[in-house]
Amino acid sequence: RLSLLDDLDEAKIPDYADLALKDHCLQTNPRPATKADLEGLL
């Protein structure tokens, strides 16, 4: 689980989703993902 990682903070999930949106790999993902989608996955 992500919660088992020491350096992550659950309150920062929106920030992590923002970072994921900036990752170029998301552009080639076969399924479009919104910030809400990424927050849900996280």
PDB file of all heavy atoms in Angstrom:
ATOM      1  N   ARG A   1       0.853  -1.186   0.000  1.00  0.00           N
ATOM      2  CA  ARG A   1       0.000   0.000   0.000  1.00  0.00           C
ATOM      3  C   ARG A   1       0.890   1.238   0.000  1.00  0.00           C
ATOM      4  O   ARG A   1       1.987   1.229   0.553  1.00  0.00           O
ATOM      5  CB  ARG A   1      -0.882   0.046   1.257  1.00  0.00           C
ATOM      6  CG  ARG A   1      -1.631  -1.200   1.623  1.00  0.00           C
ATOM      7  CD  ARG A   1      -2.765  -1.572   0.740  1.00  0.00           C
ATOM      8  NE  ARG A   1      -3.673  -0.453   0.510  1.00  0.00           N
ATOM      9  CZ  ARG A   1      -4.519  -0.399  -0.502  1.00  0.00           C
ATOM     10  NH1 ARG A   1      -4.570  -1.381  -1.357  1.00  0.00           N
ATOM     11  NH2 ARG A   1      -5.311   0.609  -0.670  1.00  0.00           N
ATOM     12  N   LEU A   2       0.411   2.313  -0.595  1.00  0.00           N
ATOM     13  CA  LEU A   2       1.153   3.569  -0.573  1.00  0.00           C
ATOM     14  C   LEU A   2       1.314   4.076   0.855  1.00  0.00           C
ATOM     15  O   LEU A   2       2.310   4.732   1.184  1.00  0.00           O
ATOM     16  CB  LEU A   2       0.446   4.622  -1.430  1.00  0.00           C
ATOM     17  CG  LEU A   2       0.465   4.385  -2.934  1.00  0.00           C
ATOM     18  CD1 LEU A   2      -0.351   5.464  -3.642  1.00  0.00           C
ATOM     19  CD2 LEU A   2       1.884   4.356  -3.456  1.00  0.00           C
ATOM     20  N   SER A   3       0.364   3.784   1.711  1.00  0.00           N
ATOM     21  CA  SER A   3       0.423   4.256   3.098  1.00  0.00           C
ATOM     22  C   SER A   3       1.606   3.667   3.869  1.00  0.00           C
ATOM     23  O   SER A   3       1.981   4.190   4.921  1.00  0.00           O
ATOM     24  CB  SER A   3      -0.875   3.918   3.825  1.00  0.00           C
ATOM     25  OG  SER A   3      -1.103   2.529   3.822  1.00  0.00           O
ATOM     26  N   LEU A   4       2.207   2.617   3.347  1.00  0.00           N
ATOM     27  CA  LEU A   4       3.356   2.005   4.007  1.00  0.00           C
ATOM     28  C   LEU A   4       4.667   2.700   3.663  1.00  0.00           C
ATOM     29  O   LEU A   4       5.703   2.366   4.250  1.00  0.00           O
ATOM     30  CB  LEU A   4       3.440   0.519   3.632  1.00  0.00           C
ATOM     31  CG  LEU A   4       2.237  -0.321   4.056  1.00  0.00           C
ATOM     32  CD1 LEU A   4       2.356  -1.736   3.515  1.00  0.00           C
ATOM     33  CD2 LEU A   4       2.106  -0.327   5.564  1.00  0.00           C
ATOM     34  N   LEU A   5       4.633   3.655   2.744  1.00  0.00           N
ATOM     35  CA  LEU A   5       5.826   4.408   2.379  1.00  0.00           C
ATOM     36  C   LEU A   5       5.978   5.601   3.314  1.00  0.00           C
ATOM     37  O   LEU A   5       5.046   6.379   3.515  1.00  0.00           O
ATOM     38  CB  LEU A   5       5.752   4.873   0.923  1.00  0.00           C
ATOM     39  CG  LEU A   5       5.709   3.750  -0.112  1.00  0.00           C
ATOM     40  CD1 LEU A   5       5.413   4.299  -1.489  1.00  0.00           C
ATOM     41  CD2 LEU A   5       7.030   2.997  -0.118  1.00  0.00           C
ATOM     42  N   ASP A   6       7.151   5.748   3.893  1.00  0.00           N
ATOM     43  CA  ASP A   6       7.386   6.788   4.892  1.00  0.00           C
ATOM     44  C   ASP A   6       7.270   8.204   4.361  1.00  0.00           C
ATOM     45  O   ASP A   6       6.858   9.104   5.083  1.00  0.00           O
ATOM     46  CB  ASP A   6       8.773   6.618   5.521  1.00  0.00           C
ATOM     47  CG  ASP A   6       8.883   5.344   6.342  1.00  0.00           C
ATOM     48  OD1 ASP A   6       7.846   4.873   6.849  1.00  0.00           O
ATOM     49  OD2 ASP A   6       9.998   4.820   6.460  1.00  0.00           O
ATOM     50  N   ASP A   7       7.662   8.444   3.139  1.00  0.00           N
ATOM     51  CA  ASP A   7       7.760   9.810   2.621  1.00  0.00           C
ATOM     52  C   ASP A   7       6.488  10.342   1.978  1.00  0.00           C
ATOM     53  O   ASP A   7       6.510  11.443   1.428  1.00  0.00           O
ATOM     54  CB  ASP A   7       8.911   9.902   1.617  1.00  0.00           C
ATOM     55  CG  ASP A   7      10.252   9.603   2.265  1.00  0.00           C
ATOM     56  OD1 ASP A   7      10.365   9.812   3.487  1.00  0.00           O
ATOM     57  OD2 ASP A   7      11.184   9.177   1.566  1.00  0.00           O
ATOM     58  N   LEU A   8       5.413   9.598   2.000  1.00  0.00           N
ATOM     59  CA  LEU A   8       4.170  10.062   1.394  1.00  0.00           C
ATOM     60  C   LEU A   8       3.185  10.516   2.464  1.00  0.00           C
ATOM     61  O   LEU A   8       3.171  10.005   3.571  1.00  0.00           O
ATOM     62  CB  LEU A   8       3.530   8.962   0.549  1.00  0.00           C
ATOM     63  CG  LEU A   8       4.288   8.524  -0.691  1.00  0.00           C
ATOM     64  CD1 LEU A   8       3.485   7.474  -1.446  1.00  0.00           C
ATOM     65  CD2 LEU A   8       4.601   9.684  -1.595  1.00  0.00           C
ATOM     66  N   ASP A   9       2.374  11.509   2.084  1.00  0.00           N
ATOM     67  CA  ASP A   9       1.374  12.062   2.991  1.00  0.00           C
ATOM     68  C   ASP A   9       0.020  12.001   2.284  1.00  0.00           C
ATOM     69  O   ASP A   9      -0.145  12.551   1.197  1.00  0.00           O
ATOM     70  CB  ASP A   9       1.753  13.508   3.315  1.00  0.00           C
ATOM     71  CG  ASP A   9       0.785  14.195   4.241  1.00  0.00           C
ATOM     72  OD1 ASP A   9      -0.212  13.587   4.676  1.00  0.00           O
ATOM     73  OD2 ASP A   9       1.032  15.376   4.542  1.00  0.00           O
ATOM     74  N   GLU A  10      -0.949  11.361   2.909  1.00  0.00           N
ATOM     75  CA  GLU A  10      -2.258  11.196   2.286  1.00  0.00           C
ATOM     76  C   GLU A  10      -2.907  12.537   1.955  1.00  0.00           C
ATOM     77  O   GLU A  10      -3.617  12.663   0.960  1.00  0.00           O
ATOM     78  CB  GLU A  10      -3.179  10.383   3.195  1.00  0.00           C
ATOM     79  CG  GLU A  10      -4.494  10.026   2.540  1.00  0.00           C
ATOM     80  CD  GLU A  10      -5.356   9.131   3.414  1.00  0.00           C
ATOM     81  OE1 GLU A  10      -5.022   8.928   4.596  1.00  0.00           O
ATOM     82  OE2 GLU A  10      -6.365   8.616   2.894  1.00  0.00           O
ATOM     83  N   ALA A  11      -2.636  13.556   2.750  1.00  0.00           N
ATOM     84  CA  ALA A  11      -3.200  14.883   2.496  1.00  0.00           C
ATOM     85  C   ALA A  11      -2.668  15.507   1.207  1.00  0.00           C
ATOM     86  O   ALA A  11      -3.270  16.434   0.673  1.00  0.00           O
ATOM     87  CB  ALA A  11      -2.911  15.805   3.673  1.00  0.00           C
ATOM     88  N   LYS A  12      -1.570  14.975   0.707  1.00  0.00           N
ATOM     89  CA  LYS A  12      -0.957  15.515  -0.518  1.00  0.00           C
ATOM     90  C   LYS A  12      -1.395  14.773  -1.781  1.00  0.00           C
ATOM     91  O   LYS A  12      -0.839  14.997  -2.857  1.00  0.00           O
ATOM     92  CB  LYS A  12       0.561  15.481  -0.399  1.00  0.00           C
ATOM     93  CG  LYS A  12       1.097  16.447   0.634  1.00  0.00           C
ATOM     94  CD  LYS A  12       2.602  16.456   0.613  1.00  0.00           C
ATOM     95  CE  LYS A  12       3.150  17.463   1.603  1.00  0.00           C
ATOM     96  NZ  LYS A  12       4.612  17.496   1.577  1.00  0.00           N
ATOM     97  N   ILE A  13      -2.369  13.894  -1.675  1.00  0.00           N
ATOM     98  CA  ILE A  13      -2.831  13.154  -2.854  1.00  0.00           C
ATOM     99  C   ILE A  13      -3.192  14.094  -4.004  1.00  0.00           C
ATOM    100  O   ILE A  13      -2.802  13.821  -5.147  1.00  0.00           O
ATOM    101  CB  ILE A  13      -3.971  12.184  -2.495  1.00  0.00           C
ATOM    102  CG1 ILE A  13      -3.371  10.963  -1.790  1.00  0.00           C
ATOM    103  CG2 ILE A  13      -4.764  11.765  -3.729  1.00  0.00           C
ATOM    104  CD1 ILE A  13      -4.378   9.915  -1.357  1.00  0.00           C
ATOM    105  N   PRO A  14      -3.883  15.214  -3.769  1.00  0.00           N
ATOM    106  CA  PRO A  14      -4.145  16.135  -4.889  1.00  0.00           C
ATOM    107  C   PRO A  14      -2.854  16.650  -5.546  1.00  0.00           C
ATOM    108  O   PRO A  14      -2.793  16.800  -6.770  1.00  0.00           O
ATOM    109  CB  PRO A  14      -4.935  17.272  -4.251  1.00  0.00           C
ATOM    110  CG  PRO A  14      -5.597  16.634  -3.070  1.00  0.00           C
ATOM    111  CD  PRO A  14      -4.592  15.645  -2.551  1.00  0.00           C
ATOM    112  N   ASP A  15      -1.823  16.890  -4.742  1.00  0.00           N
ATOM    113  CA  ASP A  15      -0.535  17.330  -5.291  1.00  0.00           C
ATOM    114  C   ASP A  15       0.121  16.220  -6.118  1.00  0.00           C
ATOM    115  O   ASP A  15       0.699  16.476  -7.176  1.00  0.00           O
ATOM    116  CB  ASP A  15       0.416  17.757  -4.170  1.00  0.00           C
ATOM    117  CG  ASP A  15      -0.109  18.938  -3.372  1.00  0.00           C
ATOM    118  OD1 ASP A  15      -0.852  19.761  -3.946  1.00  0.00           O
ATOM    119  OD2 ASP A  15       0.215  19.027  -2.174  1.00  0.00           O
ATOM    120  N   TYR A  16       0.045  14.997  -5.623  1.00  0.00           N
ATOM    121  CA  TYR A  16       0.604  13.866  -6.361  1.00  0.00           C
ATOM    122  C   TYR A  16      -0.130  13.671  -7.686  1.00  0.00           C
ATOM    123  O   TYR A  16       0.491  13.349  -8.711  1.00  0.00           O
ATOM    124  CB  TYR A  16       0.543  12.575  -5.537  1.00  0.00           C
ATOM    125  CG  TYR A  16       1.249  12.641  -4.198  1.00  0.00           C
ATOM    126  CD1 TYR A  16       0.744  11.962  -3.101  1.00  0.00           C
ATOM    127  CD2 TYR A  16       2.412  13.381  -4.015  1.00  0.00           C
ATOM    128  CE1 TYR A  16       1.377  12.000  -1.870  1.00  0.00           C
ATOM    129  CE2 TYR A  16       3.059  13.429  -2.787  1.00  0.00           C
ATOM    130  CZ  TYR A  16       2.523  12.737  -1.723  1.00  0.00           C
ATOM    131  OH  TYR A  16       3.159  12.781  -0.499  1.00  0.00           O
ATOM    132  N   ALA A  17      -1.442  13.879  -7.670  1.00  0.00           N
ATOM    133  CA  ALA A  17      -2.226  13.770  -8.906  1.00  0.00           C
ATOM    134  C   ALA A  17      -1.806  14.851  -9.893  1.00  0.00           C
ATOM    135  O   ALA A  17      -1.697  14.585 -11.095  1.00  0.00           O
ATOM    136  CB  ALA A  17      -3.716  13.858  -8.602  1.00  0.00           C
ATOM    137  N   ASP A  18      -1.561  16.074  -9.398  1.00  0.00           N
ATOM    138  CA  ASP A  18      -1.071  17.150 -10.269  1.00  0.00           C
ATOM    139  C   ASP A  18       0.255  16.775 -10.915  1.00  0.00           C
ATOM    140  O   ASP A  18       0.472  17.009 -12.106  1.00  0.00           O
ATOM    141  CB  ASP A  18      -0.896  18.457  -9.484  1.00  0.00           C
ATOM    142  CG  ASP A  18      -2.206  19.169  -9.225  1.00  0.00           C
ATOM    143  OD1 ASP A  18      -3.152  19.003 -10.034  1.00  0.00           O
ATOM    144  OD2 ASP A  18      -2.289  19.894  -8.216  1.00  0.00           O
ATOM    145  N   LEU A  19       1.149  16.197 -10.131  1.00  0.00           N
ATOM    146  CA  LEU A  19       2.439  15.767 -10.671  1.00  0.00           C
ATOM    147  C   LEU A  19       2.250  14.681 -11.732  1.00  0.00           C
ATOM    148  O   LEU A  19       2.922  14.691 -12.766  1.00  0.00           O
ATOM    149  CB  LEU A  19       3.346  15.254  -9.547  1.00  0.00           C
ATOM    150  CG  LEU A  19       3.867  16.300  -8.581  1.00  0.00           C
ATOM    151  CD1 LEU A  19       4.579  15.636  -7.401  1.00  0.00           C
ATOM    152  CD2 LEU A  19       4.800  17.269  -9.292  1.00  0.00           C
ATOM    153  N   ALA A  20       1.356  13.761 -11.468  1.00  0.00           N
ATOM    154  CA  ALA A  20       1.097  12.692 -12.437  1.00  0.00           C
ATOM    155  C   ALA A  20       0.545  13.253 -13.739  1.00  0.00           C
ATOM    156  O   ALA A  20       0.871  12.762 -14.826  1.00  0.00           O
ATOM    157  CB  ALA A  20       0.142  11.666 -11.841  1.00  0.00           C
ATOM    158  N   LEU A  21      -0.275  14.296 -13.647  1.00  0.00           N
ATOM    159  CA  LEU A  21      -0.826  14.915 -14.865  1.00  0.00           C
ATOM    160  C   LEU A  21       0.264  15.534 -15.728  1.00  0.00           C
ATOM    161  O   LEU A  21       0.123  15.626 -16.940  1.00  0.00           O
ATOM    162  CB  LEU A  21      -1.859  15.989 -14.496  1.00  0.00           C
ATOM    163  CG  LEU A  21      -3.213  15.484 -14.044  1.00  0.00           C
ATOM    164  CD1 LEU A  21      -4.053  16.635 -13.507  1.00  0.00           C
ATOM    165  CD2 LEU A  21      -3.936  14.790 -15.183  1.00  0.00           C
ATOM    166  N   LYS A  22       1.358  15.944 -15.106  1.00  0.00           N
ATOM    167  CA  LYS A  22       2.471  16.564 -15.836  1.00  0.00           C
ATOM    168  C   LYS A  22       3.427  15.536 -16.432  1.00  0.00           C
ATOM    169  O   LYS A  22       4.276  15.890 -17.243  1.00  0.00           O
ATOM    170  CB  LYS A  22       3.241  17.497 -14.900  1.00  0.00           C
ATOM    171  CG  LYS A  22       2.416  18.678 -14.460  1.00  0.00           C
ATOM    172  CD  LYS A  22       3.176  19.528 -13.461  1.00  0.00           C
ATOM    173  CE  LYS A  22       2.279  20.645 -12.955  1.00  0.00           C
ATOM    174  NZ  LYS A  22       2.926  21.424 -11.897  1.00  0.00           N
ATOM    175  N   ASP A  23       3.295  14.293 -16.031  1.00  0.00           N
ATOM    176  CA  ASP A  23       4.185  13.247 -16.531  1.00  0.00           C
ATOM    177  C   ASP A  23       3.849  12.940 -17.989  1.00  0.00           C
ATOM    178  O   ASP A  23       2.692  12.707 -18.336  1.00  0.00           O
ATOM    179  CB  ASP A  23       4.025  11.985 -15.684  1.00  0.00           C
ATOM    180  CG  ASP A  23       5.080  10.937 -15.991  1.00  0.00           C
ATOM    181  OD1 ASP A  23       5.151  10.490 -17.157  1.00  0.00           O
ATOM    182  OD2 ASP A  23       5.823  10.573 -15.073  1.00  0.00           O
ATOM    183  N   HIS A  24       4.860  12.929 -18.839  1.00  0.00           N
ATOM    184  CA  HIS A  24       4.631  12.711 -20.271  1.00  0.00           C
ATOM    185  C   HIS A  24       4.068  11.317 -20.570  1.00  0.00           C
ATOM    186  O   HIS A  24       3.453  11.105 -21.597  1.00  0.00           O
ATOM    187  CB  HIS A  24       5.918  12.955 -21.071  1.00  0.00           C
ATOM    188  CG  HIS A  24       6.959  11.895 -20.884  1.00  0.00           C
ATOM    189  ND1 HIS A  24       7.826  11.885 -19.813  1.00  0.00           N
ATOM    190  CD2 HIS A  24       7.248  10.812 -21.619  1.00  0.00           C
ATOM    191  CE1 HIS A  24       8.617  10.836 -19.909  1.00  0.00           C
ATOM    192  NE2 HIS A  24       8.290  10.160 -20.988  1.00  0.00           N
ATOM    193  N   CYS A  25       4.257  10.375 -19.675  1.00  0.00           N
ATOM    194  CA  CYS A  25       3.728   9.029 -19.902  1.00  0.00           C
ATOM    195  C   CYS A  25       2.200   9.025 -19.947  1.00  0.00           C
ATOM    196  O   CYS A  25       1.603   8.182 -20.614  1.00  0.00           O
ATOM    197  CB  CYS A  25       4.210   8.076 -18.814  1.00  0.00           C
ATOM    198  SG  CYS A  25       5.975   7.759 -18.875  1.00  0.00           S
ATOM    199  N   LEU A  26       1.595   9.964 -19.258  1.00  0.00           N
ATOM    200  CA  LEU A  26       0.135  10.023 -19.254  1.00  0.00           C
ATOM    201  C   LEU A  26      -0.403  10.349 -20.649  1.00  0.00           C
ATOM    202  O   LEU A  26      -1.500   9.931 -21.013  1.00  0.00           O
ATOM    203  CB  LEU A  26      -0.345  11.062 -18.238  1.00  0.00           C
ATOM    204  CG  LEU A  26      -1.832  11.092 -17.958  1.00  0.00           C
ATOM    205  CD1 LEU A  26      -2.312   9.771 -17.375  1.00  0.00           C
ATOM    206  CD2 LEU A  26      -2.176  12.233 -17.025  1.00  0.00           C
ATOM    207  N   GLN A  27       0.382  11.057 -21.441  1.00  0.00           N
ATOM    208  CA  GLN A  27      -0.055  11.435 -22.785  1.00  0.00           C
ATOM    209  C   GLN A  27      -0.190  10.228 -23.705  1.00  0.00           C
ATOM    210  O   GLN A  27      -0.957  10.261 -24.659  1.00  0.00           O
ATOM    211  CB  GLN A  27       0.925  12.449 -23.396  1.00  0.00           C
ATOM    212  CG  GLN A  27       1.117  13.695 -22.549  1.00  0.00           C
ATOM    213  CD  GLN A  27      -0.174  14.380 -22.171  1.00  0.00           C
ATOM    214  OE1 GLN A  27      -1.050  14.560 -22.998  1.00  0.00           O
ATOM    215  NE2 GLN A  27      -0.309  14.736 -20.911  1.00  0.00           N
ATOM    216  N   THR A  28       0.554   9.176 -23.421  1.00  0.00           N
ATOM    217  CA  THR A  28       0.498   7.987 -24.278  1.00  0.00           C
ATOM    218  C   THR A  28      -0.352   6.876 -23.658  1.00  0.00           C
ATOM    219  O   THR A  28      -0.425   5.784 -24.204  1.00  0.00           O
ATOM    220  CB  THR A  28       1.916   7.452 -24.561  1.00  0.00           C
ATOM    221  OG1 THR A  28       2.548   7.129 -23.310  1.00  0.00           O
ATOM    222  CG2 THR A  28       2.740   8.482 -25.315  1.00  0.00           C
ATOM    223  N   ASN A  29      -0.974   7.171 -22.525  1.00  0.00           N
ATOM    224  CA  ASN A  29      -1.843   6.190 -21.892  1.00  0.00           C
ATOM    225  C   ASN A  29      -3.047   5.933 -22.809  1.00  0.00           C
ATOM    226  O   ASN A  29      -3.653   6.869 -23.314  1.00  0.00           O
ATOM    227  CB  ASN A  29      -2.311   6.713 -20.528  1.00  0.00           C
ATOM    228  CG  ASN A  29      -2.940   5.645 -19.685  1.00  0.00           C
ATOM    229  OD1 ASN A  29      -2.482   4.520 -19.648  1.00  0.00           O
ATOM    230  ND2 ASN A  29      -3.999   6.005 -19.001  1.00  0.00           N
ATOM    231  N   PRO A  30      -3.401   4.692 -23.044  1.00  0.00           N
ATOM    232  CA  PRO A  30      -4.517   4.420 -23.959  1.00  0.00           C
ATOM    233  C   PRO A  30      -5.867   4.874 -23.426  1.00  0.00           C
ATOM    234  O   PRO A  30      -6.813   5.019 -24.186  1.00  0.00           O
ATOM    235  CB  PRO A  30      -4.485   2.904 -24.130  1.00  0.00           C
ATOM    236  CG  PRO A  30      -3.688   2.389 -23.004  1.00  0.00           C
ATOM    237  CD  PRO A  30      -2.763   3.484 -22.579  1.00  0.00           C
ATOM    238  N   ARG A  31      -5.941   5.135 -22.142  1.00  0.00           N
ATOM    239  CA  ARG A  31      -7.197   5.573 -21.536  1.00  0.00           C
ATOM    240  C   ARG A  31      -6.979   6.959 -20.916  1.00  0.00           C
ATOM    241  O   ARG A  31      -6.129   7.108 -20.037  1.00  0.00           O
ATOM    242  CB  ARG A  31      -7.602   4.574 -20.469  1.00  0.00           C
ATOM    243  CG  ARG A  31      -8.917   4.848 -19.832  1.00  0.00           C
ATOM    244  CD  ARG A  31      -9.243   3.722 -18.872  1.00  0.00           C
ATOM    245  NE  ARG A  31     -10.536   3.917 -18.275  1.00  0.00           N
ATOM    246  CZ  ARG A  31     -11.093   3.097 -17.445  1.00  0.00           C
ATOM    247  NH1 ARG A  31     -10.456   2.001 -17.099  1.00  0.00           N
ATOM    248  NH2 ARG A  31     -12.275   3.344 -16.942  1.00  0.00           N
ATOM    249  N   PRO A  32      -7.706   7.966 -21.340  1.00  0.00           N
ATOM    250  CA  PRO A  32      -7.535   9.295 -20.762  1.00  0.00           C
ATOM    251  C   PRO A  32      -7.810   9.277 -19.253  1.00  0.00           C
ATOM    252  O   PRO A  32      -8.658   8.522 -18.776  1.00  0.00           O
ATOM    253  CB  PRO A  32      -8.577  10.153 -21.472  1.00  0.00           C
ATOM    254  CG  PRO A  32      -8.969   9.388 -22.686  1.00  0.00           C
ATOM    255  CD  PRO A  32      -8.748   7.944 -22.372  1.00  0.00           C
ATOM    256  N   ALA A  33      -7.067  10.106 -18.524  1.00  0.00           N
ATOM    257  CA  ALA A  33      -7.243  10.177 -17.076  1.00  0.00           C
ATOM    258  C   ALA A  33      -7.293  11.633 -16.637  1.00  0.00           C
ATOM    259  O   ALA A  33      -6.459  12.430 -17.043  1.00  0.00           O
ATOM    260  CB  ALA A  33      -6.101   9.454 -16.369  1.00  0.00           C
ATOM    261  N   THR A  34      -8.258  11.955 -15.820  1.00  0.00           N
ATOM    262  CA  THR A  34      -8.390  13.293 -15.259  1.00  0.00           C
ATOM    263  C   THR A  34      -7.715  13.325 -13.887  1.00  0.00           C
ATOM    264  O   THR A  34      -7.332  12.286 -13.338  1.00  0.00           O
ATOM    265  CB  THR A  34      -9.862  13.675 -15.091  1.00  0.00           C
ATOM    266  OG1 THR A  34     -10.445  12.784 -14.112  1.00  0.00           O
ATOM    267  CG2 THR A  34     -10.631  13.565 -16.403  1.00  0.00           C
ATOM    268  N   LYS A  35      -7.625  14.509 -13.330  1.00  0.00           N
ATOM    269  CA  LYS A  35      -7.068  14.630 -11.988  1.00  0.00           C
ATOM    270  C   LYS A  35      -7.904  13.815 -11.007  1.00  0.00           C
ATOM    271  O   LYS A  35      -7.354  13.124 -10.143  1.00  0.00           O
ATOM    272  CB  LYS A  35      -7.000  16.094 -11.555  1.00  0.00           C
ATOM    273  CG  LYS A  35      -6.410  16.267 -10.179  1.00  0.00           C
ATOM    274  CD  LYS A  35      -6.273  17.721  -9.776  1.00  0.00           C
ATOM    275  CE  LYS A  35      -5.701  17.801  -8.371  1.00  0.00           C
ATOM    276  NZ  LYS A  35      -5.517  19.156  -7.908  1.00  0.00           N
ATOM    277  N   ALA A  36      -9.218  13.870 -11.141  1.00  0.00           N
ATOM    278  CA  ALA A  36     -10.092  13.096 -10.258  1.00  0.00           C
ATOM    279  C   ALA A  36      -9.836  11.591 -10.408  1.00  0.00           C
ATOM    280  O   ALA A  36      -9.848  10.860  -9.409  1.00  0.00           O
ATOM    281  CB  ALA A  36     -11.551  13.419 -10.548  1.00  0.00           C
ATOM    282  N   ASP A  37      -9.606  11.138 -11.642  1.00  0.00           N
ATOM    283  CA  ASP A  37      -9.292   9.722 -11.868  1.00  0.00           C
ATOM    284  C   ASP A  37      -8.009   9.336 -11.121  1.00  0.00           C
ATOM    285  O   ASP A  37      -7.949   8.297 -10.456  1.00  0.00           O
ATOM    286  CB  ASP A  37      -9.087   9.426 -13.354  1.00  0.00           C
ATOM    287  CG  ASP A  37     -10.332   9.593 -14.194  1.00  0.00           C
ATOM    288  OD1 ASP A  37     -11.442   9.403 -13.663  1.00  0.00           O
ATOM    289  OD2 ASP A  37     -10.188   9.930 -15.389  1.00  0.00           O
ATOM    290  N   LEU A  38      -6.995  10.180 -11.254  1.00  0.00           N
ATOM    291  CA  LEU A  38      -5.711   9.886 -10.631  1.00  0.00           C
ATOM    292  C   LEU A  38      -5.810   9.927  -9.110  1.00  0.00           C
ATOM    293  O   LEU A  38      -5.233   9.083  -8.417  1.00  0.00           O
ATOM    294  CB  LEU A  38      -4.645  10.860 -11.131  1.00  0.00           C
ATOM    295  CG  LEU A  38      -4.347  10.761 -12.630  1.00  0.00           C
ATOM    296  CD1 LEU A  38      -3.435  11.882 -13.071  1.00  0.00           C
ATOM    297  CD2 LEU A  38      -3.752   9.409 -12.968  1.00  0.00           C
ATOM    298  N   GLU A  39      -6.562  10.885  -8.598  1.00  0.00           N
ATOM    299  CA  GLU A  39      -6.765  10.940  -7.148  1.00  0.00           C
ATOM    300  C   GLU A  39      -7.482   9.673  -6.667  1.00  0.00           C
ATOM    301  O   GLU A  39      -7.126   9.116  -5.623  1.00  0.00           O
ATOM    302  CB  GLU A  39      -7.567  12.183  -6.758  1.00  0.00           C
ATOM    303  CG  GLU A  39      -6.767  13.453  -6.817  1.00  0.00           C
ATOM    304  CD  GLU A  39      -7.557  14.662  -6.347  1.00  0.00           C
ATOM    305  OE1 GLU A  39      -8.512  14.510  -5.558  1.00  0.00           O
ATOM    306  OE2 GLU A  39      -7.199  15.777  -6.765  1.00  0.00           O
ATOM    307  N   GLY A  40      -8.451   9.215  -7.419  1.00  0.00           N
ATOM    308  CA  GLY A  40      -9.144   7.978  -7.053  1.00  0.00           C
ATOM    309  C   GLY A  40      -8.227   6.777  -7.038  1.00  0.00           C
ATOM    310  O   GLY A  40      -8.299   5.941  -6.124  1.00  0.00           O
ATOM    311  N   LEU A  41      -7.348   6.695  -8.035  1.00  0.00           N
ATOM    312  CA  LEU A  41      -6.381   5.584  -8.069  1.00  0.00           C
ATOM    313  C   LEU A  41      -5.443   5.640  -6.882  1.00  0.00           C
ATOM    314  O   LEU A  41      -5.148   4.622  -6.244  1.00  0.00           O
ATOM    315  CB  LEU A  41      -5.577   5.641  -9.360  1.00  0.00           C
ATOM    316  CG  LEU A  41      -6.291   5.223 -10.630  1.00  0.00           C
ATOM    317  CD1 LEU A  41      -5.442   5.552 -11.857  1.00  0.00           C
ATOM    318  CD2 LEU A  41      -6.619   3.753 -10.600  1.00  0.00           C
ATOM    319  N   LEU A  42      -4.963   6.850  -6.568  1.00  0.00           N
ATOM    320  CA  LEU A  42      -4.054   6.994  -5.438  1.00  0.00           C
ATOM    321  C   LEU A  42      -4.748   6.657  -4.113  1.00  0.00           C
ATOM    322  O   LEU A  42      -4.173   5.995  -3.256  1.00  0.00           O
ATOM    323  CB  LEU A  42      -3.485   8.407  -5.402  1.00  0.00           C
ATOM    324  CG  LEU A  42      -2.498   8.742  -6.523  1.00  0.00           C
ATOM    325  CD1 LEU A  42      -2.240  10.242  -6.591  1.00  0.00           C
ATOM    326  CD2 LEU A  42      -1.197   7.983  -6.340  1.00  0.00           C
TER     327      LEU A  42
END
